[in-house]
Amino acid sequence: MKITPPSALAAWAVGTAWLVIFVVVDRFDAYWGEALVHWIQAASFLVALAFYPFFKRWFAAWLAQRSR
């Protein structure tokens, strides 16, 4: 299995985006309730994961431009 740099950077971007959303939403545990916050955190992972193809294309173009 070969992992390309754009794929690795896209996975990093998705993970970072989800982690930021996770930490921000976790602060609302006391206000919204723990169960709702967990559902929002799970859904935010799916939203972040949906951006993977965009990040992969963007990083591929960025790396191609940087290698010139």
C-alpha atoms as a PDB file:
ATOM      1  CA  MET A   1       0.000   0.000   0.000  1.00  0.00           C
ATOM      2  CA  LYS A   2       1.475   3.289  -1.109  1.00  0.00           C
ATOM      3  CA  ILE A   3       0.431   6.469   0.666  1.00  0.00           C
ATOM      4  CA  THR A   4       1.047   9.596  -1.365  1.00  0.00           C
ATOM      5  CA  PRO A   5       1.949  12.935   0.229  1.00  0.00           C
ATOM      6  CA  PRO A   6      -1.366  14.570  -0.806  1.00  0.00           C
ATOM      7  CA  SER A   7      -3.282  11.678   0.792  1.00  0.00           C
ATOM      8  CA  ALA A   8      -1.290  11.937   4.008  1.00  0.00           C
ATOM      9  CA  LEU A   9      -1.738  15.702   4.184  1.00  0.00           C
ATOM     10  CA  ALA A  10      -5.466  15.382   3.458  1.00  0.00           C
ATOM     11  CA  ALA A  11      -5.841  12.811   6.253  1.00  0.00           C
ATOM     12  CA  TRP A  12      -3.929  15.138   8.583  1.00  0.00           C
ATOM     13  CA  ALA A  13      -6.213  18.065   7.618  1.00  0.00           C
ATOM     14  CA  VAL A  14      -9.368  16.009   8.204  1.00  0.00           C
ATOM     15  CA  GLY A  15      -8.094  14.825  11.581  1.00  0.00           C
ATOM     16  CA  THR A  16      -7.067  18.315  12.625  1.00  0.00           C
ATOM     17  CA  ALA A  17     -10.390  19.832  11.545  1.00  0.00           C
ATOM     18  CA  TRP A  18     -12.299  17.184  13.473  1.00  0.00           C
ATOM     19  CA  LEU A  19     -10.112  17.607  16.550  1.00  0.00           C
ATOM     20  CA  VAL A  20     -10.684  21.371  16.607  1.00  0.00           C
ATOM     21  CA  ILE A  21     -14.450  20.903  16.235  1.00  0.00           C
ATOM     22  CA  PHE A  22     -14.374  18.157  18.903  1.00  0.00           C
ATOM     23  CA  VAL A  23     -12.633  20.383  21.457  1.00  0.00           C
ATOM     24  CA  VAL A  24     -14.829  23.421  20.762  1.00  0.00           C
ATOM     25  CA  VAL A  25     -18.085  21.446  20.932  1.00  0.00           C
ATOM     26  CA  ASP A  26     -16.942  19.584  24.051  1.00  0.00           C
ATOM     27  CA  ARG A  27     -17.093  22.882  25.961  1.00  0.00           C
ATOM     28  CA  PHE A  28     -20.896  22.865  25.543  1.00  0.00           C
ATOM     29  CA  ASP A  29     -21.369  19.603  27.477  1.00  0.00           C
ATOM     30  CA  ALA A  30     -22.885  21.379  30.459  1.00  0.00           C
ATOM     31  CA  TYR A  31     -25.320  23.395  28.354  1.00  0.00           C
ATOM     32  CA  TRP A  32     -26.521  20.973  25.686  1.00  0.00           C
ATOM     33  CA  GLY A  33     -26.143  17.662  27.485  1.00  0.00           C
ATOM     34  CA  GLU A  34     -23.545  14.988  27.070  1.00  0.00           C
ATOM     35  CA  ALA A  35     -25.545  12.781  24.689  1.00  0.00           C
ATOM     36  CA  LEU A  36     -26.253  15.579  22.206  1.00  0.00           C
ATOM     37  CA  VAL A  37     -22.633  16.718  22.252  1.00  0.00           C
ATOM     38  CA  HIS A  38     -21.450  13.182  21.469  1.00  0.00           C
ATOM     39  CA  TRP A  39     -23.827  12.983  18.501  1.00  0.00           C
ATOM     40  CA  ILE A  40     -22.609  16.342  17.231  1.00  0.00           C
ATOM     41  CA  GLN A  41     -18.991  15.228  17.592  1.00  0.00           C
ATOM     42  CA  ALA A  42     -19.687  12.035  15.644  1.00  0.00           C
ATOM     43  CA  ALA A  43     -21.512  13.945  12.922  1.00  0.00           C
ATOM     44  CA  SER A  44     -18.707  16.495  12.710  1.00  0.00           C
ATOM     45  CA  PHE A  45     -16.290  13.661  11.912  1.00  0.00           C
ATOM     46  CA  LEU A  46     -18.452  12.666   8.955  1.00  0.00           C
ATOM     47  CA  VAL A  47     -18.572  16.271   7.771  1.00  0.00           C
ATOM     48  CA  ALA A  48     -14.796  16.594   8.072  1.00  0.00           C
ATOM     49  CA  LEU A  49     -14.360  13.268   6.280  1.00  0.00           C
ATOM     50  CA  ALA A  50     -16.501  14.543   3.405  1.00  0.00           C
ATOM     51  CA  PHE A  51     -13.846  17.219   2.797  1.00  0.00           C
ATOM     52  CA  TYR A  52     -11.115  14.604   2.248  1.00  0.00           C
ATOM     53  CA  PRO A  53     -11.317  14.648  -1.588  1.00  0.00           C
ATOM     54  CA  PHE A  54     -11.178  18.453  -1.610  1.00  0.00           C
ATOM     55  CA  PHE A  55      -8.139  18.486   0.677  1.00  0.00           C
ATOM     56  CA  LYS A  56      -6.429  15.799  -1.401  1.00  0.00           C
ATOM     57  CA  ARG A  57      -6.865  17.766  -4.641  1.00  0.00           C
ATOM     58  CA  TRP A  58      -5.822  21.003  -2.959  1.00  0.00           C
ATOM     59  CA  PHE A  59      -2.679  19.512  -1.444  1.00  0.00           C
ATOM     60  CA  ALA A  60      -1.770  17.794  -4.744  1.00  0.00           C
ATOM     61  CA  ALA A  61      -2.015  21.124  -6.578  1.00  0.00           C
ATOM     62  CA  TRP A  62      -0.114  22.909  -3.818  1.00  0.00           C
ATOM     63  CA  LEU A  63       2.689  20.342  -3.832  1.00  0.00           C
ATOM     64  CA  ALA A  64       2.903  20.440  -7.642  1.00  0.00           C
ATOM     65  CA  GLN A  65       3.221  24.217  -7.535  1.00  0.00           C
ATOM     66  CA  ARG A  66       5.878  24.072  -4.798  1.00  0.00           C
ATOM     67  CA  SER A  67       8.003  21.550  -6.738  1.00  0.00           C
ATOM     68  CA  ARG A  68       8.463  23.854  -9.748  1.00  0.00           C
END
